PDB file of all heavy atoms in Angstrom:
ATOM      1  N   ILE A   1       0.822  -1.164  -0.072  1.00  0.00           N
ATOM      2  CA  ILE A   1      -0.093   0.054   0.012  1.00  0.00           C
ATOM      3  C   ILE A   1       0.862   1.250   0.002  1.00  0.00           C
ATOM      4  O   ILE A   1       1.915   1.212   0.668  1.00  0.00           O
ATOM      5  CB  ILE A   1      -1.037  -0.034   1.246  1.00  0.00           C
ATOM      6  CG1 ILE A   1      -2.010   1.050   1.117  1.00  0.00           C
ATOM      7  CG2 ILE A   1      -0.239   0.063   2.525  1.00  0.00           C
ATOM      8  CD1 ILE A   1      -3.154   0.788   1.935  1.00  0.00           C
ATOM      9  N   GLU A   2       0.491   2.206  -0.662  1.00  0.00           N
ATOM     10  CA  GLU A   2       1.252   3.436  -0.806  1.00  0.00           C
ATOM     11  C   GLU A   2       0.839   4.418   0.276  1.00  0.00           C
ATOM     12  O   GLU A   2      -0.273   4.579   0.760  1.00  0.00           O
ATOM     13  CB  GLU A   2       0.896   4.182  -2.180  1.00  0.00           C
ATOM     14  CG  GLU A   2       1.327   3.529  -3.380  1.00  0.00           C
ATOM     15  CD  GLU A   2       2.907   3.528  -3.492  1.00  0.00           C
ATOM     16  OE1 GLU A   2       3.576   4.306  -3.039  1.00  0.00           O
ATOM     17  OE2 GLU A   2       3.446   2.347  -3.892  1.00  0.00           O
ATOM     18  N   LEU A   3       1.837   5.124   0.956  1.00  0.00           N
ATOM     19  CA  LEU A   3       1.571   6.003   2.028  1.00  0.00           C
ATOM     20  C   LEU A   3       0.554   6.988   1.622  1.00  0.00           C
ATOM     21  O   LEU A   3      -0.272   7.497   2.434  1.00  0.00           O
ATOM     22  CB  LEU A   3       2.951   6.677   2.409  1.00  0.00           C
ATOM     23  CG  LEU A   3       2.950   7.647   3.577  1.00  0.00           C
ATOM     24  CD1 LEU A   3       2.655   6.850   4.937  1.00  0.00           C
ATOM     25  CD2 LEU A   3       4.200   8.299   3.719  1.00  0.00           C
ATOM     26  N   ASN A   4       0.616   7.520   0.432  1.00  0.00           N
ATOM     27  CA  ASN A   4      -0.440   8.599  -0.079  1.00  0.00           C
ATOM     28  C   ASN A   4      -1.785   8.076  -0.129  1.00  0.00           C
ATOM     29  O   ASN A   4      -2.709   8.885  -0.156  1.00  0.00           O
ATOM     30  CB  ASN A   4       0.093   9.098  -1.389  1.00  0.00           C
ATOM     31  CG  ASN A   4       1.431   9.845  -1.429  1.00  0.00           C
ATOM     32  OD1 ASN A   4       1.782  10.223  -0.344  1.00  0.00           O
ATOM     33  ND2 ASN A   4       2.113   9.875  -2.494  1.00  0.00           N
ATOM     34  N   ASP A   5      -1.979   6.809  -0.126  1.00  0.00           N
ATOM     35  CA  ASP A   5      -3.374   6.129  -0.164  1.00  0.00           C
ATOM     36  C   ASP A   5      -4.123   6.124   1.188  1.00  0.00           C
ATOM     37  O   ASP A   5      -5.163   5.847   1.243  1.00  0.00           O
ATOM     38  CB  ASP A   5      -3.439   4.807  -0.761  1.00  0.00           C
ATOM     39  CG  ASP A   5      -2.928   4.855  -2.166  1.00  0.00           C
ATOM     40  OD1 ASP A   5      -3.126   5.860  -2.837  1.00  0.00           O
ATOM     41  OD2 ASP A   5      -2.515   3.720  -2.645  1.00  0.00           O
ATOM     42  N   LEU A   6      -3.320   6.491   2.285  1.00  0.00           N
ATOM     43  CA  LEU A   6      -3.750   6.529   3.692  1.00  0.00           C
ATOM     44  C   LEU A   6      -4.378   7.822   4.129  1.00  0.00           C
ATOM     45  O   LEU A   6      -3.939   8.893   3.649  1.00  0.00           O
ATOM     46  CB  LEU A   6      -2.655   6.096   4.639  1.00  0.00           C
ATOM     47  CG  LEU A   6      -2.041   4.622   4.350  1.00  0.00           C
ATOM     48  CD1 LEU A   6      -0.818   4.416   5.080  1.00  0.00           C
ATOM     49  CD2 LEU A   6      -3.034   3.505   4.556  1.00  0.00           C
ATOM     50  N   PRO A   7      -5.252   7.705   5.082  1.00  0.00           N
ATOM     51  CA  PRO A   7      -5.677   9.071   5.628  1.00  0.00           C
ATOM     52  C   PRO A   7      -4.523   9.775   6.280  1.00  0.00           C
ATOM     53  O   PRO A   7      -3.568   9.173   6.590  1.00  0.00           O
ATOM     54  CB  PRO A   7      -6.674   8.549   6.873  1.00  0.00           C
ATOM     55  CG  PRO A   7      -7.048   7.166   6.452  1.00  0.00           C
ATOM     56  CD  PRO A   7      -6.006   6.579   5.698  1.00  0.00           C
ATOM     57  N   GLU A   8      -4.670  11.191   6.363  1.00  0.00           N
ATOM     58  CA  GLU A   8      -3.548  11.951   6.802  1.00  0.00           C
ATOM     59  C   GLU A   8      -2.957  11.652   8.179  1.00  0.00           C
ATOM     60  O   GLU A   8      -1.802  11.618   8.351  1.00  0.00           O
ATOM     61  CB  GLU A   8      -3.995  13.386   6.752  1.00  0.00           C
ATOM     62  CG  GLU A   8      -3.993  14.072   5.354  1.00  0.00           C
ATOM     63  CD  GLU A   8      -4.244  15.528   5.464  1.00  0.00           C
ATOM     64  OE1 GLU A   8      -3.760  16.174   6.364  1.00  0.00           O
ATOM     65  OE2 GLU A   8      -4.868  16.015   4.492  1.00  0.00           O
ATOM     66  N   GLU A   9      -3.877  11.279   9.085  1.00  0.00           N
ATOM     67  CA  GLU A   9      -3.442  10.863  10.473  1.00  0.00           C
ATOM     68  C   GLU A   9      -2.723   9.688  10.455  1.00  0.00           C
ATOM     69  O   GLU A   9      -1.860   9.487  11.369  1.00  0.00           O
ATOM     70  CB  GLU A   9      -4.706  10.833  11.453  1.00  0.00           C
ATOM     71  CG  GLU A   9      -5.681   9.880  11.180  1.00  0.00           C
ATOM     72  CD  GLU A   9      -6.790  10.270  10.294  1.00  0.00           C
ATOM     73  OE1 GLU A   9      -6.823  11.316   9.670  1.00  0.00           O
ATOM     74  OE2 GLU A   9      -7.740   9.461  10.053  1.00  0.00           O
ATOM     75  N   VAL A  10      -3.016   8.749   9.711  1.00  0.00           N
ATOM     76  CA  VAL A  10      -2.278   7.460   9.518  1.00  0.00           C
ATOM     77  C   VAL A  10      -0.940   7.749   8.821  1.00  0.00           C
ATOM     78  O   VAL A  10       0.134   7.136   9.248  1.00  0.00           O
ATOM     79  CB  VAL A  10      -3.123   6.358   8.770  1.00  0.00           C
ATOM     80  CG1 VAL A  10      -2.168   5.162   8.734  1.00  0.00           C
ATOM     81  CG2 VAL A  10      -4.387   6.080   9.539  1.00  0.00           C
ATOM     82  N   GLN A  11      -0.900   8.638   7.804  1.00  0.00           N
ATOM     83  CA  GLN A  11       0.351   9.032   7.202  1.00  0.00           C
ATOM     84  C   GLN A  11       1.257   9.568   8.155  1.00  0.00           C
ATOM     85  O   GLN A  11       2.521   9.172   8.102  1.00  0.00           O
ATOM     86  CB  GLN A  11       0.049   9.996   6.022  1.00  0.00           C
ATOM     87  CG  GLN A  11      -0.636   9.373   4.840  1.00  0.00           C
ATOM     88  CD  GLN A  11      -0.790  10.448   3.754  1.00  0.00           C
ATOM     89  OE1 GLN A  11      -0.045  11.507   3.814  1.00  0.00           O
ATOM     90  NE2 GLN A  11      -1.745  10.217   2.916  1.00  0.00           N
ATOM     91  N   GLU A  12       0.909  10.328   9.038  1.00  0.00           N
ATOM     92  CA  GLU A  12       1.779  11.042  10.089  1.00  0.00           C
ATOM     93  C   GLU A  12       2.386   9.881  10.964  1.00  0.00           C
ATOM     94  O   GLU A  12       3.610   9.941  11.316  1.00  0.00           O
ATOM     95  CB  GLU A  12       1.035  11.986  10.772  1.00  0.00           C
ATOM     96  CG  GLU A  12       0.685  13.251  10.123  1.00  0.00           C
ATOM     97  CD  GLU A  12      -0.328  14.154  10.915  1.00  0.00           C
ATOM     98  OE1 GLU A  12      -0.625  13.808  12.100  1.00  0.00           O
ATOM     99  OE2 GLU A  12      -0.766  15.041  10.217  1.00  0.00           O
ATOM    100  N   GLN A  13       1.685   8.879  11.249  1.00  0.00           N
ATOM    101  CA  GLN A  13       2.183   7.847  12.208  1.00  0.00           C
ATOM    102  C   GLN A  13       3.110   6.807  11.319  1.00  0.00           C
ATOM    103  O   GLN A  13       3.926   6.182  12.016  1.00  0.00           O
ATOM    104  CB  GLN A  13       0.990   7.030  12.694  1.00  0.00           C
ATOM    105  CG  GLN A  13       0.198   7.737  13.659  1.00  0.00           C
ATOM    106  CD  GLN A  13      -0.989   7.013  14.118  1.00  0.00           C
ATOM    107  OE1 GLN A  13      -1.178   5.767  13.917  1.00  0.00           O
ATOM    108  NE2 GLN A  13      -2.093   7.730  14.581  1.00  0.00           N
ATOM    109  N   ALA A  14       3.016   6.796  10.115  1.00  0.00           N
ATOM    110  CA  ALA A  14       3.786   5.806   9.271  1.00  0.00           C
ATOM    111  C   ALA A  14       4.821   6.389   8.545  1.00  0.00           C
ATOM    112  O   ALA A  14       5.330   5.756   7.686  1.00  0.00           O
ATOM    113  CB  ALA A  14       2.705   5.134   8.350  1.00  0.00           C
ATOM    114  N   MET A  15       5.197   7.521   8.810  1.00  0.00           N
ATOM    115  CA  MET A  15       6.356   8.246   8.053  1.00  0.00           C
ATOM    116  C   MET A  15       7.618   7.474   8.011  1.00  0.00           C
ATOM    117  O   MET A  15       8.270   7.569   7.024  1.00  0.00           O
ATOM    118  CB  MET A  15       6.525   9.683   8.563  1.00  0.00           C
ATOM    119  CG  MET A  15       5.402  10.637   8.404  1.00  0.00           C
ATOM    120  SD  MET A  15       5.088  10.883   6.632  1.00  0.00           S
ATOM    121  CE  MET A  15       6.208  12.144   6.381  1.00  0.00           C
ATOM    122  N   ASP A  16       7.969   6.844   9.090  1.00  0.00           N
ATOM    123  CA  ASP A  16       9.194   6.041   8.999  1.00  0.00           C
ATOM    124  C   ASP A  16       9.137   4.645   8.301  1.00  0.00           C
ATOM    125  O   ASP A  16      10.225   4.120   8.089  1.00  0.00           O
ATOM    126  CB  ASP A  16       9.772   5.817  10.466  1.00  0.00           C
ATOM    127  CG  ASP A  16      10.123   7.017  11.097  1.00  0.00           C
ATOM    128  OD1 ASP A  16      10.393   8.107  10.333  1.00  0.00           O
ATOM    129  OD2 ASP A  16      10.004   7.151  12.339  1.00  0.00           O
ATOM    130  N   ALA A  17       7.919   4.228   8.021  1.00  0.00           N
ATOM    131  CA  ALA A  17       7.814   2.879   7.254  1.00  0.00           C
ATOM    132  C   ALA A  17       8.351   3.012   5.837  1.00  0.00           C
ATOM    133  O   ALA A  17       8.186   4.014   5.235  1.00  0.00           O
ATOM    134  CB  ALA A  17       6.241   2.534   7.243  1.00  0.00           C
ATOM    135  N   LYS A  18       9.032   1.882   5.558  1.00  0.00           N
ATOM    136  CA  LYS A  18       9.716   1.858   4.274  1.00  0.00           C
ATOM    137  C   LYS A  18       8.864   1.029   3.270  1.00  0.00           C
ATOM    138  O   LYS A  18       9.078   1.165   2.054  1.00  0.00           O
ATOM    139  CB  LYS A  18      11.119   1.304   4.388  1.00  0.00           C
ATOM    140  CG  LYS A  18      11.884   2.122   5.355  1.00  0.00           C
ATOM    141  CD  LYS A  18      13.441   2.137   4.928  1.00  0.00           C
ATOM    142  CE  LYS A  18      14.310   2.870   5.906  1.00  0.00           C
ATOM    143  NZ  LYS A  18      13.812   3.956   6.613  1.00  0.00           N
ATOM    144  N   ASP A  19       8.307   0.008   3.688  1.00  0.00           N
ATOM    145  CA  ASP A  19       7.577  -0.926   2.912  1.00  0.00           C
ATOM    146  C   ASP A  19       6.154  -1.294   3.504  1.00  0.00           C
ATOM    147  O   ASP A  19       6.003  -2.228   4.091  1.00  0.00           O
ATOM    148  CB  ASP A  19       8.364  -2.128   2.755  1.00  0.00           C
ATOM    149  CG  ASP A  19       7.750  -3.292   1.902  1.00  0.00           C
ATOM    150  OD1 ASP A  19       6.939  -2.982   0.910  1.00  0.00           O
ATOM    151  OD2 ASP A  19       8.014  -4.383   2.071  1.00  0.00           O
ATOM    152  N   LEU A  20       5.090  -0.249   3.444  1.00  0.00           N
ATOM    153  CA  LEU A  20       3.846  -0.489   3.971  1.00  0.00           C
ATOM    154  C   LEU A  20       3.111  -1.609   3.254  1.00  0.00           C
ATOM    155  O   LEU A  20       3.023  -1.717   1.998  1.00  0.00           O
ATOM    156  CB  LEU A  20       3.020   0.737   3.861  1.00  0.00           C
ATOM    157  CG  LEU A  20       3.361   1.852   4.823  1.00  0.00           C
ATOM    158  CD1 LEU A  20       2.570   3.022   4.578  1.00  0.00           C
ATOM    159  CD2 LEU A  20       3.146   1.366   6.260  1.00  0.00           C
ATOM    160  N   VAL A  21       2.610  -2.530   4.132  1.00  0.00           N
ATOM    161  CA  VAL A  21       1.772  -3.695   3.641  1.00  0.00           C
ATOM    162  C   VAL A  21       0.492  -3.726   4.422  1.00  0.00           C
ATOM    163  O   VAL A  21       0.331  -3.469   5.666  1.00  0.00           O
ATOM    164  CB  VAL A  21       2.562  -4.918   3.896  1.00  0.00           C
ATOM    165  CG1 VAL A  21       1.823  -6.133   3.432  1.00  0.00           C
ATOM    166  CG2 VAL A  21       3.872  -4.823   3.087  1.00  0.00           C
ATOM    167  N   ALA A  22      -0.661  -3.855   3.697  1.00  0.00           N
ATOM    168  CA  ALA A  22      -1.977  -3.996   4.497  1.00  0.00           C
ATOM    169  C   ALA A  22      -2.350  -5.604   4.449  1.00  0.00           C
ATOM    170  O   ALA A  22      -2.069  -6.240   3.605  1.00  0.00           O
ATOM    171  CB  ALA A  22      -3.040  -3.202   3.607  1.00  0.00           C
ATOM    172  N   VAL A  23      -3.042  -5.804   5.520  1.00  0.00           N
ATOM    173  CA  VAL A  23      -3.580  -7.172   5.644  1.00  0.00           C
ATOM    174  C   VAL A  23      -5.024  -7.110   5.658  1.00  0.00           C
ATOM    175  O   VAL A  23      -5.629  -6.353   6.507  1.00  0.00           O
ATOM    176  CB  VAL A  23      -3.093  -7.889   6.986  1.00  0.00           C
ATOM    177  CG1 VAL A  23      -3.714  -9.284   7.141  1.00  0.00           C
ATOM    178  CG2 VAL A  23      -1.562  -7.901   7.077  1.00  0.00           C
ATOM    179  N   HIS A  24      -5.716  -7.857   4.733  1.00  0.00           N
ATOM    180  CA  HIS A  24      -7.197  -7.818   4.553  1.00  0.00           C
ATOM    181  C   HIS A  24      -7.807  -9.147   4.799  1.00  0.00           C
ATOM    182  O   HIS A  24      -7.176 -10.073   4.401  1.00  0.00           O
ATOM    183  CB  HIS A  24      -7.574  -7.232   3.259  1.00  0.00           C
ATOM    184  CG  HIS A  24      -7.187  -5.871   2.959  1.00  0.00           C
ATOM    185  ND1 HIS A  24      -7.870  -4.760   3.190  1.00  0.00           N
ATOM    186  CD2 HIS A  24      -5.944  -5.326   2.523  1.00  0.00           C
ATOM    187  CE1 HIS A  24      -7.274  -3.702   2.868  1.00  0.00           C
ATOM    188  NE2 HIS A  24      -6.113  -3.988   2.443  1.00  0.00           N
ATOM    189  N   ASN A  25      -9.058  -9.164   5.448  1.00  0.00           N
ATOM    190  CA  ASN A  25      -9.732 -10.436   5.381  1.00  0.00           C
ATOM    191  C   ASN A  25     -10.389 -10.702   4.147  1.00  0.00           C
ATOM    192  O   ASN A  25     -10.491  -9.859   3.202  1.00  0.00           O
ATOM    193  CB  ASN A  25     -10.640 -10.431   6.563  1.00  0.00           C
ATOM    194  CG  ASN A  25     -11.851  -9.596   6.530  1.00  0.00           C
ATOM    195  OD1 ASN A  25     -12.167  -8.906   5.433  1.00  0.00           O
ATOM    196  ND2 ASN A  25     -12.573  -9.224   7.598  1.00  0.00           N
ATOM    197  N   SER A  26     -11.278 -11.774   4.062  1.00  0.00           N
ATOM    198  CA  SER A  26     -11.788 -12.202   2.664  1.00  0.00           C
ATOM    199  C   SER A  26     -12.916 -11.204   2.291  1.00  0.00           C
ATOM    200  O   SER A  26     -13.435 -11.179   1.090  1.00  0.00           O
ATOM    201  CB  SER A  26     -12.317 -13.564   2.731  1.00  0.00           C
ATOM    202  OG  SER A  26     -13.274 -13.717   3.863  1.00  0.00           O
ATOM    203  N   ASP A  27     -13.412 -10.391   3.335  1.00  0.00           N
ATOM    204  CA  ASP A  27     -14.470  -9.496   2.900  1.00  0.00           C
ATOM    205  C   ASP A  27     -13.846  -8.112   2.559  1.00  0.00           C
ATOM    206  O   ASP A  27     -14.519  -7.021   2.210  1.00  0.00           O
ATOM    207  CB  ASP A  27     -15.357  -9.223   4.131  1.00  0.00           C
ATOM    208  CG  ASP A  27     -16.197 -10.331   4.506  1.00  0.00           C
ATOM    209  OD1 ASP A  27     -16.565 -11.160   3.568  1.00  0.00           O
ATOM    210  OD2 ASP A  27     -16.519 -10.680   5.625  1.00  0.00           O
ATOM    211  N   GLY A  28     -12.515  -7.966   2.555  1.00  0.00           N
ATOM    212  CA  GLY A  28     -11.903  -6.739   2.118  1.00  0.00           C
ATOM    213  C   GLY A  28     -11.553  -5.801   3.187  1.00  0.00           C
ATOM    214  O   GLY A  28     -10.918  -4.770   3.054  1.00  0.00           O
ATOM    215  N   GLU A  29     -11.959  -6.222   4.454  1.00  0.00           N
ATOM    216  CA  GLU A  29     -11.764  -5.314   5.618  1.00  0.00           C
ATOM    217  C   GLU A  29     -10.333  -5.312   5.979  1.00  0.00           C
ATOM    218  O   GLU A  29      -9.726  -6.373   6.128  1.00  0.00           O
ATOM    219  CB  GLU A  29     -12.524  -5.770   6.814  1.00  0.00           C
ATOM    220  CG  GLU A  29     -12.340  -5.013   8.023  1.00  0.00           C
ATOM    221  CD  GLU A  29     -13.074  -5.676   9.263  1.00  0.00           C
ATOM    222  OE1 GLU A  29     -13.672  -6.756   9.095  1.00  0.00           O
ATOM    223  OE2 GLU A  29     -13.006  -5.048  10.324  1.00  0.00           O
ATOM    224  N   GLN A  30      -9.841  -4.110   6.171  1.00  0.00           N
ATOM    225  CA  GLN A  30      -8.225  -4.003   6.598  1.00  0.00           C
ATOM    226  C   GLN A  30      -8.160  -4.431   8.092  1.00  0.00           C
ATOM    227  O   GLN A  30      -8.692  -3.765   8.980  1.00  0.00           O
ATOM    228  CB  GLN A  30      -7.739  -2.685   6.316  1.00  0.00           C
ATOM    229  CG  GLN A  30      -6.227  -2.542   6.617  1.00  0.00           C
ATOM    230  CD  GLN A  30      -5.689  -1.216   6.335  1.00  0.00           C
ATOM    231  OE1 GLN A  30      -5.947  -0.823   5.146  1.00  0.00           O
ATOM    232  NE2 GLN A  30      -5.024  -0.609   7.195  1.00  0.00           N
ATOM    233  N   LEU A  31      -7.423  -5.404   8.233  1.00  0.00           N
ATOM    234  CA  LEU A  31      -7.148  -5.936   9.644  1.00  0.00           C
ATOM    235  C   LEU A  31      -5.821  -5.323  10.321  1.00  0.00           C
ATOM    236  O   LEU A  31      -5.810  -5.237  11.429  1.00  0.00           O
ATOM    237  CB  LEU A  31      -7.023  -7.466   9.568  1.00  0.00           C
ATOM    238  CG  LEU A  31      -8.156  -8.169   9.068  1.00  0.00           C
ATOM    239  CD1 LEU A  31      -7.867  -9.659   9.009  1.00  0.00           C
ATOM    240  CD2 LEU A  31      -9.449  -7.901   9.860  1.00  0.00           C
ATOM    241  N   ALA A  32      -4.881  -5.087   9.505  1.00  0.00           N
ATOM    242  CA  ALA A  32      -3.610  -4.549   9.950  1.00  0.00           C
ATOM    243  C   ALA A  32      -2.915  -3.774   8.872  1.00  0.00           C
ATOM    244  O   ALA A  32      -3.066  -3.979   7.764  1.00  0.00           O
ATOM    245  CB  ALA A  32      -2.692  -5.700  10.494  1.00  0.00           C
ATOM    246  N   LEU A  33      -2.003  -2.854   9.278  1.00  0.00           N
ATOM    247  CA  LEU A  33      -1.100  -2.171   8.442  1.00  0.00           C
ATOM    248  C   LEU A  33       0.199  -2.134   9.028  1.00  0.00           C
ATOM    249  O   LEU A  33       0.494  -1.782  10.273  1.00  0.00           O
ATOM    250  CB  LEU A  33      -1.511  -0.714   8.400  1.00  0.00           C
ATOM    251  CG  LEU A  33      -0.784   0.188   7.498  1.00  0.00           C
ATOM    252  CD1 LEU A  33      -0.838  -0.251   6.006  1.00  0.00           C
ATOM    253  CD2 LEU A  33      -1.349   1.590   7.548  1.00  0.00           C
ATOM    254  N   VAL A  34       1.215  -2.799   8.414  1.00  0.00           N
ATOM    255  CA  VAL A  34       2.596  -3.097   8.983  1.00  0.00           C
ATOM    256  C   VAL A  34       3.703  -2.671   7.996  1.00  0.00           C
ATOM    257  O   VAL A  34       3.377  -2.403   6.880  1.00  0.00           O
ATOM    258  CB  VAL A  34       2.774  -4.572   9.380  1.00  0.00           C
ATOM    259  CG1 VAL A  34       1.732  -4.956  10.437  1.00  0.00           C
ATOM    260  CG2 VAL A  34       2.643  -5.531   8.164  1.00  0.00           C
ATOM    261  N   ASP A  35       4.860  -2.562   8.590  1.00  0.00           N
ATOM    262  CA  ASP A  35       6.028  -2.312   7.835  1.00  0.00           C
ATOM    263  C   ASP A  35       6.794  -3.471   7.350  1.00  0.00           C
ATOM    264  O   ASP A  35       7.595  -4.044   8.047  1.00  0.00           O
ATOM    265  CB  ASP A  35       7.016  -1.261   8.581  1.00  0.00           C
ATOM    266  CG  ASP A  35       8.009  -0.726   7.785  1.00  0.00           C
ATOM    267  OD1 ASP A  35       7.994  -0.832   6.572  1.00  0.00           O
ATOM    268  OD2 ASP A  35       9.093  -0.107   8.342  1.00  0.00           O
ATOM    269  N   GLY A  36       6.421  -3.940   6.215  1.00  0.00           N
ATOM    270  CA  GLY A  36       7.149  -5.008   5.572  1.00  0.00           C
ATOM    271  C   GLY A  36       6.213  -6.250   5.356  1.00  0.00           C
ATOM    272  O   GLY A  36       5.406  -6.575   6.218  1.00  0.00           O
ATOM    273  N   ARG A  37       6.482  -6.995   4.265  1.00  0.00           N
ATOM    274  CA  ARG A  37       5.664  -8.135   3.773  1.00  0.00           C
ATOM    275  C   ARG A  37       5.983  -9.237   4.822  1.00  0.00           C
ATOM    276  O   ARG A  37       5.069 -10.052   5.280  1.00  0.00           O
ATOM    277  CB  ARG A  37       6.069  -8.431   2.407  1.00  0.00           C
ATOM    278  CG  ARG A  37       5.446  -9.560   1.752  1.00  0.00           C
ATOM    279  CD  ARG A  37       5.884  -9.824   0.295  1.00  0.00           C
ATOM    280  NE  ARG A  37       5.124 -10.788  -0.267  1.00  0.00           N
ATOM    281  CZ  ARG A  37       5.591 -12.103  -0.310  1.00  0.00           C
ATOM    282  NH1 ARG A  37       6.701 -12.388   0.428  1.00  0.00           N
ATOM    283  NH2 ARG A  37       4.854 -13.084  -0.763  1.00  0.00           N
ATOM    284  N   ARG A  38       7.306  -9.400   5.136  1.00  0.00           N
ATOM    285  CA  ARG A  38       7.693 -10.620   5.984  1.00  0.00           C
ATOM    286  C   ARG A  38       6.995 -10.382   7.447  1.00  0.00           C
ATOM    287  O   ARG A  38       6.405 -11.411   7.929  1.00  0.00           O
ATOM    288  CB  ARG A  38       9.268 -10.437   6.326  1.00  0.00           C
ATOM    289  CG  ARG A  38       9.706 -11.600   7.178  1.00  0.00           C
ATOM    290  CD  ARG A  38      11.242 -11.624   7.235  1.00  0.00           C
ATOM    291  NE  ARG A  38      11.700 -12.717   7.966  1.00  0.00           N
ATOM    292  CZ  ARG A  38      11.913 -12.680   9.128  1.00  0.00           C
ATOM    293  NH1 ARG A  38      11.672 -11.752   9.933  1.00  0.00           N
ATOM    294  NH2 ARG A  38      12.361 -13.861   9.762  1.00  0.00           N
ATOM    295  N   LEU A  39       6.764  -9.257   7.924  1.00  0.00           N
ATOM    296  CA  LEU A  39       6.180  -9.034   9.181  1.00  0.00           C
ATOM    297  C   LEU A  39       4.617  -9.305   9.072  1.00  0.00           C
ATOM    298  O   LEU A  39       4.072  -9.920   9.892  1.00  0.00           O
ATOM    299  CB  LEU A  39       6.326  -7.653   9.704  1.00  0.00           C
ATOM    300  CG  LEU A  39       5.579  -7.251  10.993  1.00  0.00           C
ATOM    301  CD1 LEU A  39       6.058  -8.099  12.150  1.00  0.00           C
ATOM    302  CD2 LEU A  39       5.838  -5.853  11.439  1.00  0.00           C
ATOM    303  N   ALA A  40       4.163  -8.964   7.939  1.00  0.00           N
ATOM    304  CA  ALA A  40       2.636  -9.226   7.711  1.00  0.00           C
ATOM    305  C   ALA A  40       2.288 -10.701   7.667  1.00  0.00           C
ATOM    306  O   ALA A  40       1.346 -11.276   8.216  1.00  0.00           O
ATOM    307  CB  ALA A  40       2.280  -8.600   6.406  1.00  0.00           C
ATOM    308  N   PHE A  41       3.281 -11.464   7.017  1.00  0.00           N
ATOM    309  CA  PHE A  41       3.003 -12.970   7.042  1.00  0.00           C
ATOM    310  C   PHE A  41       3.212 -13.572   8.424  1.00  0.00           C
ATOM    311  O   PHE A  41       2.431 -14.511   8.842  1.00  0.00           O
ATOM    312  CB  PHE A  41       4.065 -13.641   5.972  1.00  0.00           C
ATOM    313  CG  PHE A  41       3.569 -13.634   4.663  1.00  0.00           C
ATOM    314  CD1 PHE A  41       3.542 -12.563   3.837  1.00  0.00           C
ATOM    315  CD2 PHE A  41       3.134 -14.871   4.058  1.00  0.00           C
ATOM    316  CE1 PHE A  41       2.988 -12.644   2.591  1.00  0.00           C
ATOM    317  CE2 PHE A  41       2.615 -14.937   2.770  1.00  0.00           C
ATOM    318  CZ  PHE A  41       2.578 -13.812   1.965  1.00  0.00           C
ATOM    319  N   ILE A  42       4.228 -13.126   9.161  1.00  0.00           N
ATOM    320  CA  ILE A  42       4.450 -13.572  10.508  1.00  0.00           C
ATOM    321  C   ILE A  42       3.234 -13.302  11.346  1.00  0.00           C
ATOM    322  O   ILE A  42       2.667 -14.110  11.937  1.00  0.00           O
ATOM    323  CB  ILE A  42       5.707 -12.909  11.097  1.00  0.00           C
ATOM    324  CG1 ILE A  42       6.984 -13.459  10.336  1.00  0.00           C
ATOM    325  CG2 ILE A  42       5.698 -13.142  12.587  1.00  0.00           C
ATOM    326  CD1 ILE A  42       8.170 -12.854  10.817  1.00  0.00           C
ATOM    327  N   LEU A  43       2.677 -12.118  11.301  1.00  0.00           N
ATOM    328  CA  LEU A  43       1.593 -11.696  11.965  1.00  0.00           C
ATOM    329  C   LEU A  43       0.316 -12.486  11.684  1.00  0.00           C
ATOM    330  O   LEU A  43      -0.351 -12.983  12.556  1.00  0.00           O
ATOM    331  CB  LEU A  43       1.282 -10.158  11.745  1.00  0.00           C
ATOM    332  CG  LEU A  43      -0.008  -9.602  12.414  1.00  0.00           C
ATOM    333  CD1 LEU A  43       0.268  -9.475  13.822  1.00  0.00           C
ATOM    334  CD2 LEU A  43      -0.298  -8.239  11.704  1.00  0.00           C
ATOM    335  N   ALA A  44       0.100 -12.754  10.356  1.00  0.00           N
ATOM    336  CA  ALA A  44      -0.984 -13.503   9.991  1.00  0.00           C
ATOM    337  C   ALA A  44      -0.989 -14.993  10.625  1.00  0.00           C
ATOM    338  O   ALA A  44      -1.845 -15.510  11.202  1.00  0.00           O
ATOM    339  CB  ALA A  44      -1.157 -13.579   8.438  1.00  0.00           C
TER     340      ALA A  44
END
């Protein structure tokens, strides 16, 4: 996910993130936003 696609308040919190990745359920609901694909897989 691109930083610019996020709401402003989330962008401010994620400024240090280098590789933003979103985790969604089968209904498309975003469950998490993490820095890095590897972390997303571990979290899941």
